[in-house]
Amino acid sequence: MWASGWASGWASGWASGWASGWASGWASGWASGWASGWASGWASGWLRESDKS
């Protein structure tokens, strides 16, 4: 369902944001990783719901 797709995408984005934040200059690396993960969570949530309908 939508929520599970969003949550898994968000969680993986949060984790990758942490990793990229540690690797590069902290705040900017974390923010960009978090934002891209959040966006991918949205996209995967939408795709899962549209597949069902």
C-alpha atoms as a PDB file:
ATOM      1  CA  MET A   1       0.000   0.000   0.000  1.00  0.00           C
ATOM      2  CA  TRP A   2       0.963   3.618  -0.297  1.00  0.00           C
ATOM      3  CA  ALA A   3       2.188   4.133   3.248  1.00  0.00           C
ATOM      4  CA  SER A   4       4.527   1.148   3.234  1.00  0.00           C
ATOM      5  CA  GLY A   5       6.111   2.205  -0.060  1.00  0.00           C
ATOM      6  CA  TRP A   6       6.600   5.736   1.212  1.00  0.00           C
ATOM      7  CA  ALA A   7       7.968   4.588   4.552  1.00  0.00           C
ATOM      8  CA  SER A   8      10.530   2.220   3.054  1.00  0.00           C
ATOM      9  CA  GLY A   9      11.711   4.839   0.563  1.00  0.00           C
ATOM     10  CA  TRP A  10      11.909   7.459   3.310  1.00  0.00           C
ATOM     11  CA  ALA A  11      13.858   5.154   5.620  1.00  0.00           C
ATOM     12  CA  SER A  12      16.405   4.210   2.970  1.00  0.00           C
ATOM     13  CA  GLY A  13      16.769   7.860   1.994  1.00  0.00           C
ATOM     14  CA  TRP A  14      17.332   8.809   5.623  1.00  0.00           C
ATOM     15  CA  ALA A  15      20.032   6.139   5.928  1.00  0.00           C
ATOM     16  CA  SER A  16      21.741   7.203   2.701  1.00  0.00           C
ATOM     17  CA  GLY A  17      21.549  10.803   3.862  1.00  0.00           C
ATOM     18  CA  TRP A  18      23.421   9.845   7.016  1.00  0.00           C
ATOM     19  CA  ALA A  19      26.071   7.999   5.013  1.00  0.00           C
ATOM     20  CA  SER A  20      26.581  10.784   2.492  1.00  0.00           C
ATOM     21  CA  GLY A  21      26.555  13.334   5.295  1.00  0.00           C
ATOM     22  CA  TRP A  22      29.407  11.576   7.040  1.00  0.00           C
ATOM     23  CA  ALA A  23      31.326  11.206   3.782  1.00  0.00           C
ATOM     24  CA  SER A  24      31.005  14.806   2.644  1.00  0.00           C
ATOM     25  CA  GLY A  25      30.628  18.140   4.421  1.00  0.00           C
ATOM     26  CA  TRP A  26      27.989  17.213   6.973  1.00  0.00           C
ATOM     27  CA  ALA A  27      24.848  19.322   6.742  1.00  0.00           C
ATOM     28  CA  SER A  28      24.738  19.659   2.973  1.00  0.00           C
ATOM     29  CA  GLY A  29      25.449  15.971   2.386  1.00  0.00           C
ATOM     30  CA  TRP A  30      22.763  14.912   4.860  1.00  0.00           C
ATOM     31  CA  ALA A  31      20.184  17.327   3.476  1.00  0.00           C
ATOM     32  CA  SER A  32      20.660  16.264  -0.133  1.00  0.00           C
ATOM     33  CA  GLY A  33      20.599  12.562   0.731  1.00  0.00           C
ATOM     34  CA  TRP A  34      17.476  13.008   2.874  1.00  0.00           C
ATOM     35  CA  ALA A  35      15.703  15.027   0.187  1.00  0.00           C
ATOM     36  CA  SER A  36      16.419  12.516  -2.561  1.00  0.00           C
ATOM     37  CA  GLY A  37      15.329   9.654  -0.328  1.00  0.00           C
ATOM     38  CA  TRP A  38      12.116  11.480   0.572  1.00  0.00           C
ATOM     39  CA  ALA A  39      11.389  12.048  -3.117  1.00  0.00           C
ATOM     40  CA  SER A  40      12.062   8.409  -3.988  1.00  0.00           C
ATOM     41  CA  GLY A  41       9.790   7.362  -1.138  1.00  0.00           C
ATOM     42  CA  TRP A  42       7.013   9.477  -2.620  1.00  0.00           C
ATOM     43  CA  ALA A  43       7.617   8.022  -6.079  1.00  0.00           C
ATOM     44  CA  SER A  44       7.649   4.403  -4.910  1.00  0.00           C
ATOM     45  CA  GLY A  45       4.497   4.973  -2.880  1.00  0.00           C
ATOM     46  CA  TRP A  46       2.698   6.433  -5.880  1.00  0.00           C
ATOM     47  CA  LEU A  47       3.875   3.645  -8.178  1.00  0.00           C
ATOM     48  CA  ARG A  48       2.669   0.916  -5.843  1.00  0.00           C
ATOM     49  CA  GLU A  49      -0.762   2.479  -5.546  1.00  0.00           C
ATOM     50  CA  SER A  50      -1.123   3.107  -9.278  1.00  0.00           C
ATOM     51  CA  ASP A  51      -0.203  -0.518  -9.981  1.00  0.00           C
ATOM     52  CA  LYS A  52      -3.178  -1.674  -7.933  1.00  0.00           C
ATOM     53  CA  SER A  53      -5.762   0.518  -9.610  1.00  0.00           C
END
